[in-house]
Protein backbone atom coordinates (compact mmCIF):
# COMPACT_ATOMS: atom_id res chain seq x y z
CA UNK A 1 -21.21 31.15 -9.55
CA UNK A 2 -17.80 31.41 -7.91
CA UNK A 3 -15.30 31.65 -10.80
CA UNK A 4 -13.04 29.02 -9.22
CA UNK A 5 -15.91 26.51 -9.12
CA UNK A 6 -16.92 27.38 -12.68
CA UNK A 7 -13.41 26.54 -13.93
CA UNK A 8 -13.26 23.21 -12.07
CA UNK A 9 -12.98 20.24 -14.50
CA UNK A 10 -15.03 18.00 -12.19
CA UNK A 11 -18.59 18.09 -13.54
CA UNK A 12 -20.08 17.46 -10.11
CA UNK A 13 -18.37 20.55 -8.70
CA UNK A 14 -19.80 22.74 -11.46
CA UNK A 15 -23.29 21.23 -11.21
CA UNK A 16 -23.51 21.27 -7.39
CA UNK A 17 -21.73 24.65 -7.05
CA UNK A 18 -19.56 23.41 -4.20
CA UNK A 19 -16.12 21.89 -3.76
CA UNK A 20 -15.57 18.12 -3.58
CA UNK A 21 -14.82 18.35 0.13
CA UNK A 22 -18.37 19.67 0.68
CA UNK A 23 -20.21 16.86 -1.15
CA UNK A 24 -23.01 15.21 0.86
CA UNK A 25 -25.16 12.14 0.23
CA UNK A 26 -28.01 14.39 -0.88
CA UNK A 27 -25.66 16.09 -3.36
CA UNK A 28 -24.71 12.72 -4.87
CA UNK A 29 -28.37 11.67 -5.14
CA UNK A 30 -29.30 14.99 -6.71
CA UNK A 31 -26.56 14.69 -9.34
CA UNK A 32 -27.48 11.09 -10.15
CA UNK A 33 -31.21 11.80 -10.49
CA UNK A 34 -30.86 15.00 -12.51
CA UNK A 35 -28.12 13.83 -14.87
CA UNK A 36 -29.38 10.47 -16.05
CA UNK A 37 -26.81 8.41 -14.15
CA UNK A 38 -27.77 4.73 -14.46
CA UNK A 39 -24.92 3.03 -12.60
CA UNK A 40 -22.77 3.63 -9.51
CA UNK A 41 -19.29 2.15 -9.02
CA UNK A 42 -17.63 1.60 -5.66
CA UNK A 43 -13.82 1.50 -6.03
CA UNK A 44 -11.24 0.60 -3.40
CA UNK A 45 -7.54 -0.31 -3.25
CA UNK A 46 -6.66 -3.88 -2.29
CA UNK A 47 -3.48 -5.52 -1.09
CA UNK A 48 -1.95 -5.49 -4.57
CA UNK A 49 -2.23 -1.68 -4.71
CA UNK A 50 -4.75 -1.68 -7.56
CA UNK A 51 -8.31 -0.34 -7.57
CA UNK A 52 -11.09 -2.91 -7.40
CA UNK A 53 -14.62 -2.15 -8.64
CA UNK A 54 -18.14 -3.09 -7.54
CA UNK A 55 -20.96 -2.09 -9.95
CA UNK A 56 -24.52 -1.10 -8.97
CA UNK A 57 -27.52 -0.44 -11.20
CA UNK A 58 -29.59 2.52 -9.98
CA UNK A 59 -32.85 0.59 -9.61
CA UNK A 60 -34.78 3.24 -7.72
CA UNK A 61 -34.30 6.04 -5.21
CA UNK A 62 -34.71 3.78 -2.19
CA UNK A 63 -32.00 1.40 -3.39
CA UNK A 64 -29.71 4.32 -4.24
CA UNK A 65 -30.13 5.73 -0.73
CA UNK A 66 -29.43 2.29 0.75
CA UNK A 67 -26.10 1.72 -1.03
CA UNK A 68 -24.90 5.27 -0.39
CA UNK A 69 -25.79 4.99 3.31
CA UNK A 70 -24.95 1.37 4.13
CA UNK A 71 -22.37 0.50 1.49
CA UNK A 72 -21.99 -3.20 0.69
CA UNK A 73 -20.29 -6.40 1.88
CA UNK A 74 -17.10 -7.64 0.21
CA UNK A 75 -14.82 -10.64 0.72
CA UNK A 76 -11.81 -9.24 2.55
CA UNK A 77 -9.79 -12.47 2.18
CA UNK A 78 -9.81 -12.00 -1.60
CA UNK A 79 -8.61 -8.42 -1.22
CA UNK A 80 -5.99 -8.58 1.55
CA UNK A 81 -3.53 -11.39 2.43
CA UNK A 82 -3.82 -10.70 6.19
CA UNK A 83 -7.57 -11.53 6.32
CA UNK A 84 -8.56 -15.16 6.82
CA UNK A 85 -11.39 -16.73 4.82
CA UNK A 86 -13.17 -17.86 8.01
CA UNK A 87 -13.95 -14.27 9.07
CA UNK A 88 -13.49 -12.32 5.89
CA UNK A 89 -16.58 -10.14 5.48
CA UNK A 90 -15.89 -6.41 5.28
CA UNK A 91 -18.03 -3.38 4.52
CA UNK A 92 -17.12 -0.81 1.86
CA UNK A 93 -18.60 2.66 2.41
CA UNK A 94 -18.31 5.38 -0.28
CA UNK A 95 -16.54 8.65 0.45
CA UNK A 96 -18.71 11.26 -1.27
CA UNK A 97 -15.89 13.77 -1.74
CA UNK A 98 -14.22 11.36 -4.19
CA UNK A 99 -17.19 11.12 -6.60
CA UNK A 100 -16.50 11.53 -10.32
CA UNK A 101 -18.15 10.73 -13.64
CA UNK A 102 -16.56 7.62 -15.18
CA UNK A 103 -15.00 8.81 -18.48
CA UNK A 104 -14.88 5.28 -19.95
CA UNK A 105 -18.33 3.88 -19.16
CA UNK A 106 -20.79 3.59 -22.07
CA UNK A 107 -23.65 3.67 -19.55
CA UNK A 108 -23.61 6.97 -17.56
CA UNK A 109 -21.77 5.96 -14.38
CA UNK A 110 -20.73 7.72 -11.18
CA UNK A 111 -17.71 6.31 -9.34
CA UNK A 112 -16.57 6.83 -5.75
CA UNK A 113 -13.66 5.59 -3.67
CA UNK A 114 -14.56 3.66 -0.54
CA UNK A 115 -13.30 3.03 2.98
CA UNK A 116 -13.22 -0.41 4.61
CA UNK A 117 -15.03 -1.22 7.87
CA UNK A 118 -15.00 -4.41 9.97
CA UNK A 119 -17.95 -6.45 11.30
CA UNK A 120 -18.38 -4.03 14.22
CA UNK A 121 -18.68 -1.02 11.93
CA UNK A 122 -15.22 0.28 12.84
CA UNK A 123 -12.61 1.39 10.28
CA UNK A 124 -10.42 -1.55 9.25
CA UNK A 125 -7.16 -0.95 11.13
CA UNK A 126 -4.96 -2.57 8.48
CA UNK A 127 -6.55 -1.03 5.39
CA UNK A 128 -4.09 1.16 3.46
CA UNK A 129 -6.49 4.11 3.29
CA UNK A 130 -7.17 4.13 7.05
CA UNK A 131 -3.46 3.71 7.81
CA UNK A 132 -2.78 6.93 5.91
CA UNK A 133 -5.63 8.65 7.75
CA UNK A 134 -4.10 7.65 11.10
CA UNK A 135 -0.65 8.80 9.97
CA UNK A 136 -1.95 12.25 9.05
CA UNK A 137 -3.92 12.48 12.27
CA UNK A 138 -0.85 11.58 14.36
CA UNK A 139 1.26 14.09 12.45
CA UNK A 140 -1.23 16.84 13.28
CA UNK A 141 -1.53 15.83 16.93
CA UNK A 142 2.26 15.85 17.42
CA UNK A 143 3.13 18.96 15.40
CA UNK A 144 -0.07 20.99 15.25
CA UNK A 145 0.42 21.19 11.48
CA UNK A 146 -0.97 19.57 8.33
CA UNK A 147 1.00 17.12 6.20
CA UNK A 148 0.56 17.64 2.47
CA UNK A 149 1.94 15.64 -0.44
CA UNK A 150 1.91 15.24 -4.19
CA UNK A 151 3.39 12.73 -6.59
CA UNK A 152 5.34 12.68 -9.84
CA UNK A 153 3.76 9.80 -11.75
CA UNK A 154 6.23 8.40 -14.30
CA UNK A 155 5.29 5.69 -16.78
CA UNK A 156 6.22 4.25 -20.17
CA UNK A 157 3.83 4.15 -23.14
CA UNK A 158 4.58 1.25 -25.49
CA UNK A 159 3.29 0.95 -29.06
CA UNK A 160 4.47 -0.22 -32.51
CA UNK A 161 7.37 1.83 -33.88
CA UNK A 162 6.21 4.05 -36.75
CA UNK A 163 9.84 4.85 -37.72
CA UNK A 164 9.01 8.52 -38.27
CA UNK A 165 10.67 11.47 -36.49
CA UNK A 166 12.53 9.08 -34.21
CA UNK A 167 13.50 10.58 -30.87
CA UNK A 168 17.05 10.64 -29.57
CA UNK A 169 17.66 7.67 -27.29
CA UNK A 170 17.43 8.69 -23.59
CA UNK A 171 16.98 12.37 -24.54
CA UNK A 172 13.20 12.64 -24.31
CA UNK A 173 13.00 15.20 -21.48
CA UNK A 174 10.23 17.71 -22.34
CA UNK A 175 10.37 16.68 -26.00
CA UNK A 176 7.67 18.04 -28.31
CA UNK A 177 5.73 16.29 -31.05
CA UNK A 178 6.41 14.76 -33.51
CA UNK A 179 9.57 13.43 -31.80
CA UNK A 180 7.45 12.70 -28.72
CA UNK A 181 4.71 10.39 -29.97
CA UNK A 182 2.29 10.29 -27.03
CA UNK A 183 1.82 13.91 -25.96
CA UNK A 184 -1.84 13.86 -27.07
CA UNK A 185 -2.43 10.64 -25.15
CA UNK A 186 -0.88 12.20 -22.03
CA UNK A 187 -2.95 15.39 -22.25
CA UNK A 188 -6.15 13.36 -22.64
CA UNK A 189 -5.13 11.38 -19.54
CA UNK A 190 -4.59 14.66 -17.72
CA UNK A 191 -8.02 15.95 -18.74
CA UNK A 192 -9.72 12.78 -17.45
CA UNK A 193 -7.70 12.83 -14.21
CA UNK A 194 -8.70 16.46 -13.63
CA UNK A 195 -12.35 15.60 -14.28
CA UNK A 196 -12.00 12.91 -11.60
CA UNK A 197 -10.78 15.49 -9.07
CA UNK A 198 -7.01 15.28 -9.59
CA UNK A 199 -5.17 18.53 -8.93
CA UNK A 200 -2.59 18.44 -11.72
CA UNK A 201 0.45 20.69 -11.87
CA UNK A 202 1.71 19.73 -15.34
CA UNK A 203 2.67 16.89 -17.67
CA UNK A 204 5.59 16.28 -20.03
CA UNK A 205 7.62 13.64 -21.80
CA UNK A 206 10.50 12.28 -19.71
CA UNK A 207 14.09 11.24 -20.37
CA UNK A 208 13.46 7.61 -21.30
CA UNK A 209 12.74 6.65 -24.89
CA UNK A 210 14.03 3.75 -26.96
CA UNK A 211 12.95 1.07 -29.42
CA UNK A 212 13.02 -2.64 -28.69
CA UNK A 213 11.77 -5.52 -30.86
CA UNK A 214 9.84 -3.20 -33.16
CA UNK A 215 8.14 -1.32 -30.31
CA UNK A 216 8.71 2.27 -29.22
CA UNK A 217 8.97 2.92 -25.48
CA UNK A 218 8.33 6.53 -24.44
CA UNK A 219 8.52 7.73 -20.86
CA UNK A 220 6.05 10.38 -19.65
CA UNK A 221 5.28 12.12 -16.40
CA UNK A 222 2.21 13.71 -14.82
CA UNK A 223 2.91 15.77 -11.73
CA UNK A 224 0.34 16.89 -9.18
CA UNK A 225 -0.12 19.88 -6.89
CA UNK A 226 0.35 19.55 -3.11
CA UNK A 227 -2.89 18.68 -1.30
CA UNK A 228 -3.86 16.99 1.95
CA UNK A 229 -1.90 13.73 1.95
CA UNK A 230 -5.03 11.56 2.00
CA UNK A 231 -6.34 13.29 -1.12
CA UNK A 232 -2.89 12.98 -2.73
CA UNK A 233 -3.01 9.17 -2.49
CA UNK A 234 -6.58 9.05 -3.78
CA UNK A 235 -5.65 11.19 -6.78
CA UNK A 236 -2.62 9.07 -7.66
CA UNK A 237 -4.46 5.75 -7.54
CA UNK A 238 -7.30 7.09 -9.70
CA UNK A 239 -4.73 8.55 -12.11
CA UNK A 240 -3.04 5.17 -12.58
CA UNK A 241 -6.45 3.59 -13.23
CA UNK A 242 -7.28 6.27 -15.82
CA UNK A 243 -3.93 6.02 -17.64
CA UNK A 244 -4.24 2.25 -17.93
CA UNK A 245 -7.85 2.39 -19.11
CA UNK A 246 -7.17 5.00 -21.77
CA UNK A 247 -4.12 3.05 -22.96
CA UNK A 248 -6.28 -0.07 -23.29
CA UNK A 249 -8.79 1.93 -25.34
CA UNK A 250 -6.03 3.06 -27.74
CA UNK A 251 -4.30 -0.32 -27.92
CA UNK A 252 -1.18 0.92 -26.10
CA UNK A 253 0.61 -0.86 -23.29
CA UNK A 254 1.52 1.02 -20.11
CA UNK A 255 3.94 0.25 -17.31
CA UNK A 256 4.76 2.05 -14.08
CA UNK A 257 7.50 -0.52 -13.41
CA UNK A 258 10.71 0.83 -11.85
CA UNK A 259 12.89 -0.82 -14.50
CA UNK A 260 11.94 -2.26 -17.87
CA UNK A 261 15.30 -2.93 -19.50
CA UNK A 262 18.99 -2.51 -18.72
CA UNK A 263 20.77 0.73 -19.55
CA UNK A 264 17.60 2.81 -19.90
CA UNK A 265 15.92 5.24 -17.52
CA UNK A 266 13.68 3.64 -14.92
CA UNK A 267 10.45 5.15 -13.66
CA UNK A 268 10.20 6.61 -10.18
CA UNK A 269 7.32 7.90 -8.10
CA UNK A 270 8.91 10.91 -6.43
CA UNK A 271 6.81 12.30 -3.57
CA UNK A 272 6.96 16.00 -2.73
CA UNK A 273 5.89 17.15 0.73
CA UNK A 274 5.16 20.39 2.48
CA UNK A 275 3.98 21.21 5.99
CA UNK A 276 1.18 23.74 6.46
CA UNK A 277 -0.16 25.75 9.38
CA UNK A 278 -3.09 28.14 9.07
CA UNK A 279 -2.91 27.70 5.28
CA UNK A 280 0.70 28.93 5.24
CA UNK A 281 3.66 26.88 4.03
CA UNK A 282 6.14 26.25 6.85
CA UNK A 283 9.04 25.00 4.69
CA UNK A 284 10.78 28.37 4.46
CA UNK A 285 11.63 31.07 6.98
CA UNK A 286 13.16 34.36 5.87
CA UNK A 287 13.85 32.86 2.45
CA UNK A 288 15.82 29.82 3.66
CA UNK A 289 14.86 26.27 4.60
CA UNK A 290 13.12 26.39 7.97
CA UNK A 291 13.81 24.42 11.14
CA UNK A 292 10.44 22.74 10.56
CA UNK A 293 11.59 21.49 7.15
CA UNK A 294 14.96 20.33 8.47
CA UNK A 295 13.33 18.34 11.29
CA UNK A 296 11.06 16.61 8.77
CA UNK A 297 14.10 15.83 6.59
CA UNK A 298 15.93 14.42 9.63
CA UNK A 299 13.02 12.06 10.21
CA UNK A 300 13.24 10.88 6.61
CA UNK A 301 16.99 10.42 6.90
CA UNK A 302 16.45 8.25 10.00
CA UNK A 303 13.69 6.07 8.54
CA UNK A 304 14.85 6.04 4.91
CA UNK A 305 16.00 2.37 5.03
CA UNK A 306 12.53 1.15 6.05
CA UNK A 307 10.59 3.54 3.80
CA UNK A 308 11.85 1.41 0.91
CA UNK A 309 9.60 -1.36 2.28
CA UNK A 310 6.60 0.77 1.30
CA UNK A 311 8.00 2.49 -1.78
CA UNK A 312 10.15 -0.18 -3.48
CA UNK A 313 8.19 -3.37 -3.21
CA UNK A 314 9.46 -5.86 -5.80
CA UNK A 315 12.92 -7.05 -6.90
CA UNK A 316 13.08 -4.79 -9.98
CA UNK A 317 12.87 -1.74 -7.67
CA UNK A 318 16.47 -2.35 -6.67
CA UNK A 319 17.71 -2.47 -10.26
CA UNK A 320 16.62 1.18 -10.49
CA UNK A 321 18.33 2.26 -7.25
CA UNK A 322 21.86 2.12 -8.66
CA UNK A 323 24.46 4.88 -9.16
CA UNK A 324 24.45 7.22 -12.17
CA UNK A 325 20.78 6.64 -13.08
CA UNK A 326 19.31 9.80 -11.42
CA UNK A 327 18.02 7.48 -8.68
CA UNK A 328 19.35 7.65 -5.12
CA UNK A 329 21.51 4.98 -3.49
CA UNK A 330 22.65 6.79 -0.32
CA UNK A 331 20.88 8.41 2.60
CA UNK A 332 21.51 12.12 2.24
CA UNK A 333 19.79 15.31 1.14
CA UNK A 334 20.68 18.51 -0.67
CA UNK A 335 19.53 21.54 -2.64
CA UNK A 336 18.62 21.15 -6.33
CA UNK A 337 20.69 17.94 -6.35
CA UNK A 338 19.40 14.87 -8.18
CA UNK A 339 22.05 12.53 -6.75
CA UNK A 340 20.54 12.70 -3.25
CA UNK A 341 17.67 10.85 -1.58
CA UNK A 342 15.75 13.93 -0.44
CA UNK A 343 16.03 16.95 -2.71
CA UNK A 344 15.06 20.54 -1.92
CA UNK A 345 13.90 21.72 -5.35
CA UNK A 346 14.45 25.21 -6.70
CA UNK A 347 11.93 27.21 -4.71
CA UNK A 348 11.50 30.71 -6.14
CA UNK A 349 13.46 32.23 -3.24
CA UNK A 350 15.16 34.84 -5.42
CA UNK A 351 13.91 38.38 -4.91
CA UNK A 352 13.79 39.13 -8.63
CA UNK A 353 10.42 39.59 -10.36
CA UNK A 354 11.10 37.31 -13.30
CA UNK A 355 7.66 37.83 -14.84
CA UNK A 356 8.25 41.57 -15.09
CA UNK A 357 11.73 41.00 -16.53
CA UNK A 358 10.39 38.63 -19.21
CA UNK A 359 7.36 40.87 -19.88
CA UNK A 360 8.37 44.56 -19.66
CA UNK A 361 4.74 45.74 -19.91
CA UNK A 362 3.85 44.01 -16.63
CA UNK A 363 3.80 45.78 -13.28
CA UNK A 364 5.48 44.20 -10.24
CA UNK A 365 3.50 41.12 -9.14
CA UNK A 366 4.47 40.75 -5.44
CA UNK A 367 3.50 37.06 -5.65
CA UNK A 368 4.06 35.01 -2.46
CA UNK A 369 6.34 32.32 -3.88
CA UNK A 370 7.11 30.84 -0.45
CA UNK A 371 3.95 28.73 -0.82
CA UNK A 372 5.62 26.74 -3.61
CA UNK A 373 8.51 25.25 -1.60
CA UNK A 374 8.48 21.47 -1.07
CA UNK A 375 10.98 18.72 -0.32
CA UNK A 376 11.12 15.64 -2.52
CA UNK A 377 11.69 11.97 -1.62
CA UNK A 378 13.26 10.36 -4.70
CA UNK A 379 13.53 6.64 -3.84
CA UNK A 380 9.91 5.39 -4.34
CA UNK A 381 8.68 3.88 -7.58
CA UNK A 382 5.46 2.70 -9.20
CA UNK A 383 5.46 -0.61 -7.29
CA UNK A 384 4.55 1.28 -4.11
CA UNK A 385 1.29 0.93 -2.25
CA UNK A 386 0.43 4.62 -2.46
CA UNK A 387 -1.36 4.80 0.88
CA UNK A 388 1.31 2.90 2.80
CA UNK A 389 4.08 4.93 1.16
CA UNK A 390 2.62 8.35 1.95
CA UNK A 391 1.67 7.13 5.43
CA UNK A 392 5.28 6.03 5.93
CA UNK A 393 6.53 9.45 4.86
CA UNK A 394 4.08 11.15 7.23
CA UNK A 395 5.41 8.96 10.05
CA UNK A 396 9.00 9.80 9.11
CA UNK A 397 8.37 13.55 9.01
CA UNK A 398 6.52 13.37 12.34
CA UNK A 399 9.41 11.36 13.82
CA UNK A 400 11.72 14.25 13.02
CA UNK A 401 9.84 16.36 15.57
CA UNK A 402 10.16 13.66 18.22
CA UNK A 403 13.94 13.10 18.21
CA UNK A 404 16.18 15.47 20.15
CA UNK A 405 19.07 15.59 17.69
CA UNK A 406 17.00 16.12 14.53
CA UNK A 407 18.82 19.26 13.44
CA UNK A 408 22.21 17.60 13.98
CA UNK A 409 21.08 14.64 11.84
CA UNK A 410 19.98 17.06 9.13
CA UNK A 411 23.35 18.82 9.23
CA UNK A 412 25.32 15.56 9.13
CA UNK A 413 23.44 14.13 6.13
CA UNK A 414 23.45 17.30 4.01
CA UNK A 415 25.53 17.25 0.82
CA UNK A 416 25.99 20.03 -1.74
CA UNK A 417 27.88 18.05 -4.38
CA UNK A 418 27.16 15.21 -6.79
CA UNK A 419 28.17 12.33 -4.57
CA UNK A 420 28.73 10.00 -7.53
CA UNK A 421 31.53 12.09 -9.03
CA UNK A 422 35.01 10.68 -8.50
CA UNK A 423 36.30 13.67 -6.55
CA UNK A 424 33.55 13.18 -3.93
CA UNK A 425 34.37 9.53 -3.19
CA UNK A 426 35.25 10.25 0.45
CA UNK A 427 31.91 11.94 1.05
CA UNK A 428 30.13 8.99 -0.56
CA UNK A 429 31.89 6.48 1.71
CA UNK A 430 30.68 8.35 4.80
CA UNK A 431 27.01 7.99 3.84
CA UNK A 432 24.72 5.11 4.74
CA UNK A 433 23.41 3.16 1.75
CA UNK A 434 19.81 2.32 0.98
CA UNK A 435 18.85 -1.38 1.02
CA UNK A 436 19.73 -3.20 -2.20
CA UNK A 437 16.99 -5.87 -2.15
CA UNK A 438 13.50 -6.59 -0.88
CA UNK A 439 14.98 -8.89 1.77
CA UNK A 440 17.29 -6.14 3.04
CA UNK A 441 14.40 -3.68 3.02
CA UNK A 442 12.29 -6.08 5.09
CA UNK A 443 15.09 -6.37 7.64
CA UNK A 444 15.25 -2.58 7.94
CA UNK A 445 11.49 -2.39 8.50
CA UNK A 446 11.72 -5.06 11.19
CA UNK A 447 14.37 -3.00 12.99
CA UNK A 448 12.35 0.24 12.84
CA UNK A 449 8.80 -1.11 13.00
CA UNK A 450 8.04 0.30 16.46
CA UNK A 451 8.23 3.84 15.09
CA UNK A 452 5.66 3.05 12.39
CA UNK A 453 3.40 1.26 14.89
CA UNK A 454 3.50 4.20 17.33
CA UNK A 455 0.12 5.89 17.83
CA UNK A 456 -1.39 2.76 16.22
CA UNK A 457 -0.66 4.12 12.73
CA UNK A 458 0.61 0.93 11.09
CA UNK A 459 -0.96 -2.18 12.59
CA UNK A 460 1.38 -5.04 13.56
CA UNK A 461 -0.52 -7.27 11.10
CA UNK A 462 0.19 -4.87 8.25
CA UNK A 463 3.90 -4.64 9.11
CA UNK A 464 4.11 -8.43 9.38
CA UNK A 465 2.42 -8.79 6.01
CA UNK A 466 4.81 -6.36 4.32
CA UNK A 467 7.88 -8.05 5.83
CA UNK A 468 6.67 -11.52 4.85
CA UNK A 469 5.94 -10.45 1.28
CA UNK A 470 9.33 -8.76 0.82
CA UNK A 471 11.21 -11.65 2.37
CA UNK A 472 9.44 -14.14 0.11
CA UNK A 473 11.23 -12.73 -2.95
CA UNK A 474 14.51 -14.18 -1.64
CA UNK A 475 16.42 -11.59 -3.68
CA UNK A 476 19.28 -10.77 -1.31
CA UNK A 477 21.94 -11.36 -4.00
CA UNK A 478 19.73 -11.09 -7.08
CA UNK A 479 21.11 -7.77 -8.31
CA UNK A 480 24.62 -9.18 -8.38
CA UNK A 481 23.46 -12.56 -9.73
CA UNK A 482 21.85 -10.93 -12.80
CA UNK A 483 24.59 -8.35 -13.37
CA UNK A 484 25.81 -10.08 -16.55
CA UNK A 485 22.60 -11.89 -17.43
CA UNK A 486 20.38 -9.66 -19.63
CA UNK A 487 18.02 -12.54 -20.43
CA UNK A 488 17.45 -13.24 -16.74
CA UNK A 489 16.98 -9.53 -16.08
CA UNK A 490 14.37 -9.26 -18.85
CA UNK A 491 12.49 -12.28 -17.50
CA UNK A 492 12.36 -10.56 -14.09
CA UNK A 493 11.13 -7.31 -15.66
CA UNK A 494 8.38 -9.19 -17.52
CA UNK A 495 7.27 -10.82 -14.28
CA UNK A 496 6.67 -7.46 -12.56
CA UNK A 497 5.76 -5.41 -15.63
CA UNK A 498 2.31 -4.42 -14.32
CA UNK A 499 3.20 -3.77 -10.69
CA UNK A 500 1.29 -1.34 -8.52
């Protein structure tokens, strides 16, 4: 067997001797019949951004073939706010490439993500998953290139304080056990996510850790590898489902909320992107950031105000987007700079062979490090609808190729300093600020909606639904209103504790 397939954590890949992208209906049936699988789960994201589940017993081969081929009916009005009860029936059809063995089920169970279809058998225009598909398709049609993405999934683990080897408050970055208490939990999450098809880059403890009311709060992060943007969203939503389920099993609480108390690090959902052509990364040219990358960044600079409508979707999001919290507040970009909205991370552009320097017995490696370069959008958080967010970023990057002055926009919004330091106050004043509330974000989306609706990527109904939801929070002055009200702030945090 191909060594790469043999090393794959997904048991279906190893058994079928093919990659997930090559899975067929016959492959799924073969795995089910030869591995004692007794149940099949259909899973799909609804309007609240969470996975929903429909369970099937494998009665016989004919029934198995029927559900894999025809899918099943579901009540769309209970899943999405834009669907009326009078005409609410939808179909859910499994996508075989997403199949994985459920790590939590006592009865052997195979799970698959599904796509939504309407009564005419057409993809549901306003479903999040199909919106992302259309965004990626439009990006390719306009640029001739592929849009790839990956996420940094930050979350807090919460459990009773054992008062042993207590970590330093807000100094948890890459901490090791026993000062970091949940490293084993995180690595087990990572193993399950990988078994479900997630392409993981690494995991580590993050900055945030503190104790409150006898409970220890420890921030962790799992970061993924860049893949096709549609797969990136699938992997992230399954990962959140796995982390929550494993936490429930251990009696821990988990939150992906952007802010859980004042004065402590909030959790973001940074999205890294790269643009590929013929399997080659287009983000660098001759060792420096390419024109392709700068056009994509210009698109994000232009649409940044409205991207918050997809990536920062409840009032607590805007308590994270404040100065001096390693979260952006202004529309700008820079190299290796965590005070900016779009960061160009350190990208292995040095000519030195660091491996040979660290290991004198090694010969020169000649590794093509240009493939590793990405750009990172730092505003989104765990409240985001993953499909809408990544679709919005694909639209923004595509838009950068459609505006004539893209490179001038990129030049104008570039900063190479920490904009929150006192000596850079003049530079800070010249930059446009991100919205500071859901209501402000909705207004920005209303102003820029035509760009997202172009090529029929975002449906008008979806945009209307997002604007209505954001506006309903009525939080235009909330950040200022709760500035000196910790009790009110905590009540708000509790309300949106399990967002996304």
